[in-house]
Amino acid sequence: MRRFLVKQKDAFSARYKILPLLLLIVFSLGGCASTGANVAEQEAHPEDPWEGFNRRVFTFNDVVDRYTLKPVARGYQTVTPAPVRTGVGNFFSNLGEVRTAINSLLQGKPANAGLATSRFLINSTVGVGGLLDYATLMEITADKEDFGQTLAVWGWEDSRYLVLPLLGPSTLRDATGLPVDIAAHPITYIDDQAWRAGLAALDIVHIRAGLLSQEELIRGDRYRFIRDAYLQRRQFEINDGELGDDPFAMDDFDFDDTDFGDDDFAD
């Protein structure tokens, strides 16, 4: 739901005026049964010191999603042909290349910024406004970047997990970067409010529809499953897909046969 904030600029300040009210609603939910977990009896996660609060927000978001967004997303998936959904996804992904280009420059990655700019220009012209992804067919790809990743590159590497009302999983660092991401999104600058709100709503529904099939993968405690998946994905994105060095693949890895006894090699 992160792209919910892509709506009109004027509405951005209004949302944060009602945020205290949303938090009051969240706190009033207390320990609702939908999470089904006793936080006090579970092992604390080092990146989630606010788990009690986050679970309340998660419960609130889950109720809103279950009775509003999810039914709409199912209807959208049912009535919209797959090629049309692909075009919608390409369109919004193409707009995101602007944000990627800006943040790539801020992170000192001019090559990635050039690739993102090339993708935007190619798909916006040959790709009929981004509906067709010709850049990928031409093997022009770029790593997605946002300001949360930029803050991580600048030194804010570790950040506490935070569930935002209506917006879902985030971290304190990523939430801090949201205003910059909004300012970098082209939809923000559409003058017509109806078009701006309509495109933002379509983006939200399209993203939610794409997650419907993935819900079947969730096992155990929904809150913890989603939290761990989000934190792992963000770390993967911040590292540009690098998982770290494999000690067994390093040239300087020393194998010491004294670490093993004769019994270890017996048949």
C-alpha atoms as a PDB file:
ATOM      1  CA  MET A   1       0.000   0.000   0.000  1.00  0.00           C
ATOM      2  CA  ARG A   2       3.074   2.237  -0.002  1.00  0.00           C
ATOM      3  CA  ARG A   3       1.974   4.046  -3.180  1.00  0.00           C
ATOM      4  CA  PHE A   4      -1.185   5.294  -1.508  1.00  0.00           C
ATOM      5  CA  LEU A   5       0.817   8.468  -0.839  1.00  0.00           C
ATOM      6  CA  VAL A   6       1.182   9.098  -4.534  1.00  0.00           C
ATOM      7  CA  LYS A   7      -2.139  10.983  -4.525  1.00  0.00           C
ATOM      8  CA  GLN A   8      -2.335  14.757  -4.792  1.00  0.00           C
ATOM      9  CA  LYS A   9       0.234  16.908  -3.014  1.00  0.00           C
ATOM     10  CA  ASP A  10      -2.424  18.817  -1.104  1.00  0.00           C
ATOM     11  CA  ALA A  11      -3.801  15.590   0.288  1.00  0.00           C
ATOM     12  CA  PHE A  12      -0.390  14.625   1.635  1.00  0.00           C
ATOM     13  CA  SER A  13      -0.435  17.203   4.416  1.00  0.00           C
ATOM     14  CA  ALA A  14      -4.067  16.378   5.170  1.00  0.00           C
ATOM     15  CA  ARG A  15      -3.225  12.724   5.730  1.00  0.00           C
ATOM     16  CA  TYR A  16      -0.707  13.561   8.393  1.00  0.00           C
ATOM     17  CA  LYS A  17      -3.258  15.800  10.118  1.00  0.00           C
ATOM     18  CA  ILE A  18      -5.532  12.766  10.551  1.00  0.00           C
ATOM     19  CA  LEU A  19      -2.673  10.397  11.438  1.00  0.00           C
ATOM     20  CA  PRO A  20      -3.093  10.967  15.232  1.00  0.00           C
ATOM     21  CA  LEU A  21      -6.759   9.973  14.886  1.00  0.00           C
ATOM     22  CA  LEU A  22      -5.785   6.789  13.045  1.00  0.00           C
ATOM     23  CA  LEU A  23      -3.296   5.960  15.793  1.00  0.00           C
ATOM     24  CA  LEU A  24      -5.986   6.415  18.443  1.00  0.00           C
ATOM     25  CA  ILE A  25      -8.166   3.963  16.539  1.00  0.00           C
ATOM     26  CA  VAL A  26      -5.251   1.548  16.334  1.00  0.00           C
ATOM     27  CA  PHE A  27      -4.557   1.721  20.060  1.00  0.00           C
ATOM     28  CA  SER A  28      -8.228   1.200  20.818  1.00  0.00           C
ATOM     29  CA  LEU A  29      -8.071  -2.114  18.985  1.00  0.00           C
ATOM     30  CA  GLY A  30      -5.711  -3.423  21.648  1.00  0.00           C
ATOM     31  CA  GLY A  31      -4.818  -7.055  21.197  1.00  0.00           C
ATOM     32  CA  CYS A  32      -7.399  -8.056  18.567  1.00  0.00           C
ATOM     33  CA  ALA A  33      -7.680 -11.746  17.863  1.00  0.00           C
ATOM     34  CA  SER A  34      -6.842 -11.545  14.152  1.00  0.00           C
ATOM     35  CA  THR A  35      -3.085 -11.651  14.796  1.00  0.00           C
ATOM     36  CA  GLY A  36      -3.553 -14.646  17.026  1.00  0.00           C
ATOM     37  CA  ALA A  37      -0.211 -14.217  18.806  1.00  0.00           C
ATOM     38  CA  ASN A  38       0.782 -13.425  22.366  1.00  0.00           C
ATOM     39  CA  VAL A  39       3.594 -10.923  21.898  1.00  0.00           C
ATOM     40  CA  ALA A  40       4.852 -11.298  25.450  1.00  0.00           C
ATOM     41  CA  GLU A  41       5.452 -15.026  24.951  1.00  0.00           C
ATOM     42  CA  GLN A  42       7.347 -14.666  21.670  1.00  0.00           C
ATOM     43  CA  GLU A  43      11.029 -14.041  21.184  1.00  0.00           C
ATOM     44  CA  ALA A  44      11.704 -10.377  20.461  1.00  0.00           C
ATOM     45  CA  HIS A  45      13.067  -9.413  17.042  1.00  0.00           C
ATOM     46  CA  PRO A  46      16.049  -7.030  17.288  1.00  0.00           C
ATOM     47  CA  GLU A  47      14.716  -4.867  14.461  1.00  0.00           C
ATOM     48  CA  ASP A  48      11.167  -4.812  15.825  1.00  0.00           C
ATOM     49  CA  PRO A  49      11.293  -3.295  19.331  1.00  0.00           C
ATOM     50  CA  TRP A  50       7.838  -1.736  18.768  1.00  0.00           C
ATOM     51  CA  GLU A  51       6.166  -5.060  17.986  1.00  0.00           C
ATOM     52  CA  GLY A  52       3.216  -4.462  20.300  1.00  0.00           C
ATOM     53  CA  PHE A  53       2.359  -1.164  18.605  1.00  0.00           C
ATOM     54  CA  ASN A  54       3.089  -2.542  15.143  1.00  0.00           C
ATOM     55  CA  ARG A  55       0.732  -5.463  15.693  1.00  0.00           C
ATOM     56  CA  ARG A  56      -2.108  -3.090  16.553  1.00  0.00           C
ATOM     57  CA  VAL A  57      -1.499  -1.110  13.366  1.00  0.00           C
ATOM     58  CA  PHE A  58      -1.229  -4.371  11.430  1.00  0.00           C
ATOM     59  CA  THR A  59      -4.612  -5.467  12.783  1.00  0.00           C
ATOM     60  CA  PHE A  60      -6.188  -2.150  11.810  1.00  0.00           C
ATOM     61  CA  ASN A  61      -4.729  -2.346   8.299  1.00  0.00           C
ATOM     62  CA  ASP A  62      -5.840  -5.958   7.960  1.00  0.00           C
ATOM     63  CA  VAL A  63      -9.448  -5.071   8.777  1.00  0.00           C
ATOM     64  CA  VAL A  64      -9.449  -2.171   6.306  1.00  0.00           C
ATOM     65  CA  ASP A  65      -7.904  -4.356   3.622  1.00  0.00           C
ATOM     66  CA  ARG A  66     -10.266  -7.277   4.188  1.00  0.00           C
ATOM     67  CA  TYR A  67     -13.442  -5.252   3.844  1.00  0.00           C
ATOM     68  CA  THR A  68     -12.436  -2.620   1.283  1.00  0.00           C
ATOM     69  CA  LEU A  69      -9.297  -3.018  -0.806  1.00  0.00           C
ATOM     70  CA  LYS A  70      -9.146  -6.794  -1.164  1.00  0.00           C
ATOM     71  CA  PRO A  71     -12.694  -7.191  -2.605  1.00  0.00           C
ATOM     72  CA  VAL A  72     -12.006  -4.372  -5.073  1.00  0.00           C
ATOM     73  CA  ALA A  73      -8.705  -5.991  -6.075  1.00  0.00           C
ATOM     74  CA  ARG A  74     -10.443  -9.313  -6.682  1.00  0.00           C
ATOM     75  CA  GLY A  75     -13.043  -7.618  -8.853  1.00  0.00           C
ATOM     76  CA  TYR A  76     -10.319  -5.818 -10.801  1.00  0.00           C
ATOM     77  CA  GLN A  77      -8.476  -9.074 -11.404  1.00  0.00           C
ATOM     78  CA  THR A  78     -11.673 -10.813 -12.505  1.00  0.00           C
ATOM     79  CA  VAL A  79     -12.918  -8.243 -15.011  1.00  0.00           C
ATOM     80  CA  THR A  80      -9.570  -6.989 -16.343  1.00  0.00           C
ATOM     81  CA  PRO A  81      -7.831  -9.147 -18.979  1.00  0.00           C
ATOM     82  CA  ALA A  82      -4.256 -10.167 -18.206  1.00  0.00           C
ATOM     83  CA  PRO A  83      -2.732  -8.136 -21.108  1.00  0.00           C
ATOM     84  CA  VAL A  84      -4.455  -5.003 -19.794  1.00  0.00           C
ATOM     85  CA  ARG A  85      -3.161  -5.639 -16.261  1.00  0.00           C
ATOM     86  CA  THR A  86       0.323  -6.071 -17.704  1.00  0.00           C
ATOM     87  CA  GLY A  87       0.019  -2.726 -19.481  1.00  0.00           C
ATOM     88  CA  VAL A  88      -1.143  -1.026 -16.279  1.00  0.00           C
ATOM     89  CA  GLY A  89       1.812  -2.469 -14.390  1.00  0.00           C
ATOM     90  CA  ASN A  90       4.215  -1.342 -17.111  1.00  0.00           C
ATOM     91  CA  PHE A  91       2.748   2.167 -17.035  1.00  0.00           C
ATOM     92  CA  PHE A  92       3.264   2.698 -13.311  1.00  0.00           C
ATOM     93  CA  SER A  93       6.638   0.957 -13.334  1.00  0.00           C
ATOM     94  CA  ASN A  94       7.751   3.338 -16.077  1.00  0.00           C
ATOM     95  CA  LEU A  95       6.786   6.354 -13.965  1.00  0.00           C
ATOM     96  CA  GLY A  96       8.894   4.898 -11.158  1.00  0.00           C
ATOM     97  CA  GLU A  97      12.002   5.127 -13.349  1.00  0.00           C
ATOM     98  CA  VAL A  98      12.121   8.876 -12.607  1.00  0.00           C
ATOM     99  CA  ARG A  99      12.470   8.164  -8.893  1.00  0.00           C
ATOM    100  CA  THR A 100      15.083   5.507  -9.612  1.00  0.00           C
ATOM    101  CA  ALA A 101      17.147   7.888 -11.743  1.00  0.00           C
ATOM    102  CA  ILE A 102      17.114  10.629  -9.094  1.00  0.00           C
ATOM    103  CA  ASN A 103      18.013   8.328  -6.215  1.00  0.00           C
ATOM    104  CA  SER A 104      20.697   6.586  -8.261  1.00  0.00           C
ATOM    105  CA  LEU A 105      22.420   9.945  -8.714  1.00  0.00           C
ATOM    106  CA  LEU A 106      22.078  10.685  -4.995  1.00  0.00           C
ATOM    107  CA  GLN A 107      23.692   7.316  -4.257  1.00  0.00           C
ATOM    108  CA  GLY A 108      26.576   7.917  -6.642  1.00  0.00           C
ATOM    109  CA  LYS A 109      25.397   5.381  -9.240  1.00  0.00           C
ATOM    110  CA  PRO A 110      25.457   7.313 -12.524  1.00  0.00           C
ATOM    111  CA  ALA A 111      25.367   4.138 -14.619  1.00  0.00           C
ATOM    112  CA  ASN A 112      22.124   2.977 -13.019  1.00  0.00           C
ATOM    113  CA  ALA A 113      20.706   6.497 -13.359  1.00  0.00           C
ATOM    114  CA  GLY A 114      21.505   6.408 -17.075  1.00  0.00           C
ATOM    115  CA  LEU A 115      19.823   3.035 -17.479  1.00  0.00           C
ATOM    116  CA  ALA A 116      16.689   4.210 -15.645  1.00  0.00           C
ATOM    117  CA  THR A 117      16.568   7.366 -17.780  1.00  0.00           C
ATOM    118  CA  SER A 118      16.964   5.314 -20.949  1.00  0.00           C
ATOM    119  CA  ARG A 119      14.174   2.986 -19.871  1.00  0.00           C
ATOM    120  CA  PHE A 120      11.878   5.936 -19.198  1.00  0.00           C
ATOM    121  CA  LEU A 121      12.568   7.588 -22.543  1.00  0.00           C
ATOM    122  CA  ILE A 122      12.247   4.380 -24.574  1.00  0.00           C
ATOM    123  CA  ASN A 123       9.092   3.127 -22.883  1.00  0.00           C
ATOM    124  CA  SER A 124       7.473   6.567 -22.849  1.00  0.00           C
ATOM    125  CA  THR A 125       7.902   6.914 -26.615  1.00  0.00           C
ATOM    126  CA  VAL A 126       8.209   3.576 -28.393  1.00  0.00           C
ATOM    127  CA  GLY A 127       6.328   1.898 -25.547  1.00  0.00           C
ATOM    128  CA  VAL A 128       3.242   4.100 -25.998  1.00  0.00           C
ATOM    129  CA  GLY A 129       3.443   6.040 -22.759  1.00  0.00           C
ATOM    130  CA  GLY A 130       4.936   3.131 -20.849  1.00  0.00           C
ATOM    131  CA  LEU A 131       2.195   0.605 -21.579  1.00  0.00           C
ATOM    132  CA  LEU A 132       4.744  -1.574 -23.400  1.00  0.00           C
ATOM    133  CA  ASP A 133       8.104  -2.456 -21.861  1.00  0.00           C
ATOM    134  CA  TYR A 134      10.372  -2.331 -24.903  1.00  0.00           C
ATOM    135  CA  ALA A 135      13.386  -1.433 -22.747  1.00  0.00           C
ATOM    136  CA  THR A 136      13.367  -4.846 -21.090  1.00  0.00           C
ATOM    137  CA  LEU A 137      13.118  -6.527 -24.495  1.00  0.00           C
ATOM    138  CA  MET A 138      16.220  -4.526 -25.423  1.00  0.00           C
ATOM    139  CA  GLU A 139      17.881  -5.889 -22.238  1.00  0.00           C
ATOM    140  CA  ILE A 140      18.049  -2.421 -20.671  1.00  0.00           C
ATOM    141  CA  THR A 141      17.381  -2.918 -16.979  1.00  0.00           C
ATOM    142  CA  ALA A 142      18.047  -0.856 -13.872  1.00  0.00           C
ATOM    143  CA  ASP A 143      17.980  -1.568 -10.143  1.00  0.00           C
ATOM    144  CA  LYS A 144      14.960   0.081  -8.501  1.00  0.00           C
ATOM    145  CA  GLU A 145      15.974   2.816  -6.073  1.00  0.00           C
ATOM    146  CA  ASP A 146      14.050   4.980  -3.605  1.00  0.00           C
ATOM    147  CA  PHE A 147      15.015   7.500  -0.963  1.00  0.00           C
ATOM    148  CA  GLY A 148      14.874   4.915   1.816  1.00  0.00           C
ATOM    149  CA  GLN A 149      17.646   3.052   0.007  1.00  0.00           C
ATOM    150  CA  THR A 150      19.487   6.339  -0.478  1.00  0.00           C
ATOM    151  CA  LEU A 151      19.419   6.998   3.269  1.00  0.00           C
ATOM    152  CA  ALA A 152      20.835   3.505   3.818  1.00  0.00           C
ATOM    153  CA  VAL A 153      23.678   4.217   1.387  1.00  0.00           C
ATOM    154  CA  TRP A 154      24.326   7.501   3.193  1.00  0.00           C
ATOM    155  CA  GLY A 155      24.847   5.637   6.460  1.00  0.00           C
ATOM    156  CA  TRP A 156      21.440   4.864   7.976  1.00  0.00           C
ATOM    157  CA  GLU A 157      21.923   1.135   7.510  1.00  0.00           C
ATOM    158  CA  ASP A 158      19.949  -0.335  10.414  1.00  0.00           C
ATOM    159  CA  SER A 159      16.445   0.888  11.098  1.00  0.00           C
ATOM    160  CA  ARG A 160      13.538  -0.174  13.278  1.00  0.00           C
ATOM    161  CA  TYR A 161      10.598  -1.935  11.674  1.00  0.00           C
ATOM    162  CA  LEU A 162       7.460   0.199  11.555  1.00  0.00           C
ATOM    163  CA  VAL A 163       3.940  -0.585  10.321  1.00  0.00           C
ATOM    164  CA  LEU A 164       2.237   2.564   9.023  1.00  0.00           C
ATOM    165  CA  PRO A 165      -1.550   3.050   9.188  1.00  0.00           C
ATOM    166  CA  LEU A 166      -3.034   2.239   5.758  1.00  0.00           C
ATOM    167  CA  LEU A 167       0.428   2.093   4.174  1.00  0.00           C
ATOM    168  CA  GLY A 168       1.645  -1.156   5.694  1.00  0.00           C
ATOM    169  CA  PRO A 169       5.189  -2.477   6.319  1.00  0.00           C
ATOM    170  CA  SER A 170       8.034   0.019   6.467  1.00  0.00           C
ATOM    171  CA  THR A 171      10.948   1.077   8.633  1.00  0.00           C
ATOM    172  CA  LEU A 172      11.643   4.345  10.403  1.00  0.00           C
ATOM    173  CA  ARG A 173      14.218   5.089   7.689  1.00  0.00           C
ATOM    174  CA  ASP A 174      11.891   4.275   4.790  1.00  0.00           C
ATOM    175  CA  ALA A 175       9.036   6.263   6.336  1.00  0.00           C
ATOM    176  CA  THR A 176      11.384   9.242   6.622  1.00  0.00           C
ATOM    177  CA  GLY A 177      12.108   8.967   2.908  1.00  0.00           C
ATOM    178  CA  LEU A 178       8.433   8.904   1.842  1.00  0.00           C
ATOM    179  CA  PRO A 179       8.057  12.692   1.318  1.00  0.00           C
ATOM    180  CA  VAL A 180      11.021  12.692  -1.088  1.00  0.00           C
ATOM    181  CA  ASP A 181       9.637   9.689  -2.962  1.00  0.00           C
ATOM    182  CA  ILE A 182       6.307  11.488  -3.313  1.00  0.00           C
ATOM    183  CA  ALA A 183       8.018  14.601  -4.648  1.00  0.00           C
ATOM    184  CA  ALA A 184       9.909  12.466  -7.189  1.00  0.00           C
ATOM    185  CA  HIS A 185       6.794  10.783  -8.594  1.00  0.00           C
ATOM    186  CA  PRO A 186       5.314  12.286 -11.797  1.00  0.00           C
ATOM    187  CA  ILE A 187       1.700  11.690 -10.710  1.00  0.00           C
ATOM    188  CA  THR A 188       2.220  14.226  -7.924  1.00  0.00           C
ATOM    189  CA  TYR A 189       2.399  17.008 -10.515  1.00  0.00           C
ATOM    190  CA  ILE A 190      -0.779  16.255 -12.460  1.00  0.00           C
ATOM    191  CA  ASP A 191      -2.917  19.393 -12.184  1.00  0.00           C
ATOM    192  CA  ASP A 192      -6.287  17.709 -12.585  1.00  0.00           C
ATOM    193  CA  GLN A 193      -7.268  16.347  -9.168  1.00  0.00           C
ATOM    194  CA  ALA A 194      -9.671  13.780 -10.597  1.00  0.00           C
ATOM    195  CA  TRP A 195      -6.987  12.293 -12.840  1.00  0.00           C
ATOM    196  CA  ARG A 196      -4.441  12.376 -10.020  1.00  0.00           C
ATOM    197  CA  ALA A 197      -6.741  10.593  -7.581  1.00  0.00           C
ATOM    198  CA  GLY A 198      -7.927   8.135 -10.235  1.00  0.00           C
ATOM    199  CA  LEU A 199      -4.421   7.103 -11.247  1.00  0.00           C
ATOM    200  CA  ALA A 200      -3.347   6.764  -7.609  1.00  0.00           C
ATOM    201  CA  ALA A 201      -6.364   4.560  -6.865  1.00  0.00           C
ATOM    202  CA  LEU A 202      -5.697   2.400  -9.938  1.00  0.00           C
ATOM    203  CA  ASP A 203      -2.082   1.955  -8.872  1.00  0.00           C
ATOM    204  CA  ILE A 204      -3.125   0.843  -5.383  1.00  0.00           C
ATOM    205  CA  VAL A 205      -5.723  -1.625  -6.664  1.00  0.00           C
ATOM    206  CA  HIS A 206      -3.308  -3.035  -9.261  1.00  0.00           C
ATOM    207  CA  ILE A 207      -0.601  -3.607  -6.644  1.00  0.00           C
ATOM    208  CA  ARG A 208      -3.068  -5.266  -4.268  1.00  0.00           C
ATOM    209  CA  ALA A 209      -4.372  -7.531  -7.045  1.00  0.00           C
ATOM    210  CA  GLY A 210      -0.828  -8.658  -7.744  1.00  0.00           C
ATOM    211  CA  LEU A 211      -0.462  -9.786  -4.130  1.00  0.00           C
ATOM    212  CA  LEU A 212      -3.581 -11.950  -4.054  1.00  0.00           C
ATOM    213  CA  SER A 213      -1.841 -15.106  -5.233  1.00  0.00           C
ATOM    214  CA  GLN A 214       1.124 -14.538  -2.919  1.00  0.00           C
ATOM    215  CA  GLU A 215      -1.079 -14.708   0.189  1.00  0.00           C
ATOM    216  CA  GLU A 216      -1.139 -18.478  -0.184  1.00  0.00           C
ATOM    217  CA  LEU A 217       2.570 -18.528   0.680  1.00  0.00           C
ATOM    218  CA  ILE A 218       2.011 -17.081   4.159  1.00  0.00           C
ATOM    219  CA  ARG A 219       2.559 -19.637   6.930  1.00  0.00           C
ATOM    220  CA  GLY A 220       2.204 -19.360  10.683  1.00  0.00           C
ATOM    221  CA  ASP A 221       1.925 -15.918  12.257  1.00  0.00           C
ATOM    222  CA  ARG A 222       0.900 -13.526   9.459  1.00  0.00           C
ATOM    223  CA  TYR A 223       2.469 -10.525  11.156  1.00  0.00           C
ATOM    224  CA  ARG A 224       5.888 -12.098  11.593  1.00  0.00           C
ATOM    225  CA  PHE A 225       5.871 -13.719   8.170  1.00  0.00           C
ATOM    226  CA  ILE A 226       5.165 -10.391   6.445  1.00  0.00           C
ATOM    227  CA  ARG A 227       7.629  -8.509   8.656  1.00  0.00           C
ATOM    228  CA  ASP A 228      10.500 -10.916   7.998  1.00  0.00           C
ATOM    229  CA  ALA A 229       9.744 -11.040   4.270  1.00  0.00           C
ATOM    230  CA  TYR A 230       9.690  -7.231   4.073  1.00  0.00           C
ATOM    231  CA  LEU A 231      12.958  -6.765   5.986  1.00  0.00           C
ATOM    232  CA  GLN A 232      14.729  -9.395   3.876  1.00  0.00           C
ATOM    233  CA  ARG A 233      13.475  -7.863   0.638  1.00  0.00           C
ATOM    234  CA  ARG A 234      14.557  -4.376   1.695  1.00  0.00           C
ATOM    235  CA  GLN A 235      18.013  -5.604   2.628  1.00  0.00           C
ATOM    236  CA  PHE A 236      18.244  -7.347  -0.744  1.00  0.00           C
ATOM    237  CA  GLU A 237      17.281  -4.093  -2.511  1.00  0.00           C
ATOM    238  CA  ILE A 238      19.701  -1.964  -0.476  1.00  0.00           C
ATOM    239  CA  ASN A 239      22.541  -4.367  -1.323  1.00  0.00           C
ATOM    240  CA  ASP A 240      21.525  -4.320  -5.012  1.00  0.00           C
ATOM    241  CA  GLY A 241      20.912  -8.050  -4.916  1.00  0.00           C
ATOM    242  CA  GLU A 242      24.247  -8.960  -3.334  1.00  0.00           C
ATOM    243  CA  LEU A 243      23.867 -11.629  -0.655  1.00  0.00           C
ATOM    244  CA  GLY A 244      27.382 -11.306   0.707  1.00  0.00           C
ATOM    245  CA  ASP A 245      30.517 -13.382   0.279  1.00  0.00           C
ATOM    246  CA  ASP A 246      30.420 -17.145   0.381  1.00  0.00           C
ATOM    247  CA  PRO A 247      33.430 -18.217   2.505  1.00  0.00           C
ATOM    248  CA  PHE A 248      33.726 -21.484   0.574  1.00  0.00           C
ATOM    249  CA  ALA A 249      33.992 -19.552  -2.719  1.00  0.00           C
ATOM    250  CA  MET A 250      36.754 -17.201  -1.560  1.00  0.00           C
ATOM    251  CA  ASP A 251      40.276 -17.664  -2.848  1.00  0.00           C
ATOM    252  CA  ASP A 252      41.766 -17.070   0.593  1.00  0.00           C
ATOM    253  CA  PHE A 253      39.630 -19.688   2.338  1.00  0.00           C
ATOM    254  CA  ASP A 254      41.980 -21.977   4.263  1.00  0.00           C
ATOM    255  CA  PHE A 255      41.078 -25.618   4.656  1.00  0.00           C
ATOM    256  CA  ASP A 256      42.739 -27.084   7.721  1.00  0.00           C
ATOM    257  CA  ASP A 257      42.566 -30.870   7.824  1.00  0.00           C
ATOM    258  CA  THR A 258      43.396 -30.758  11.536  1.00  0.00           C
ATOM    259  CA  ASP A 259      39.822 -29.629  12.080  1.00  0.00           C
ATOM    260  CA  PHE A 260      38.719 -33.163  11.249  1.00  0.00           C
ATOM    261  CA  GLY A 261      39.489 -36.472  12.864  1.00  0.00           C
ATOM    262  CA  ASP A 262      40.018 -39.842  11.250  1.00  0.00           C
ATOM    263  CA  ASP A 263      36.473 -40.811  12.165  1.00  0.00           C
ATOM    264  CA  ASP A 264      35.102 -38.032   9.949  1.00  0.00           C
ATOM    265  CA  PHE A 265      36.459 -39.793   6.856  1.00  0.00           C
ATOM    266  CA  ALA A 266      35.564 -43.323   7.788  1.00  0.00           C
ATOM    267  CA  ASP A 267      33.164 -45.272   5.580  1.00  0.00           C
END
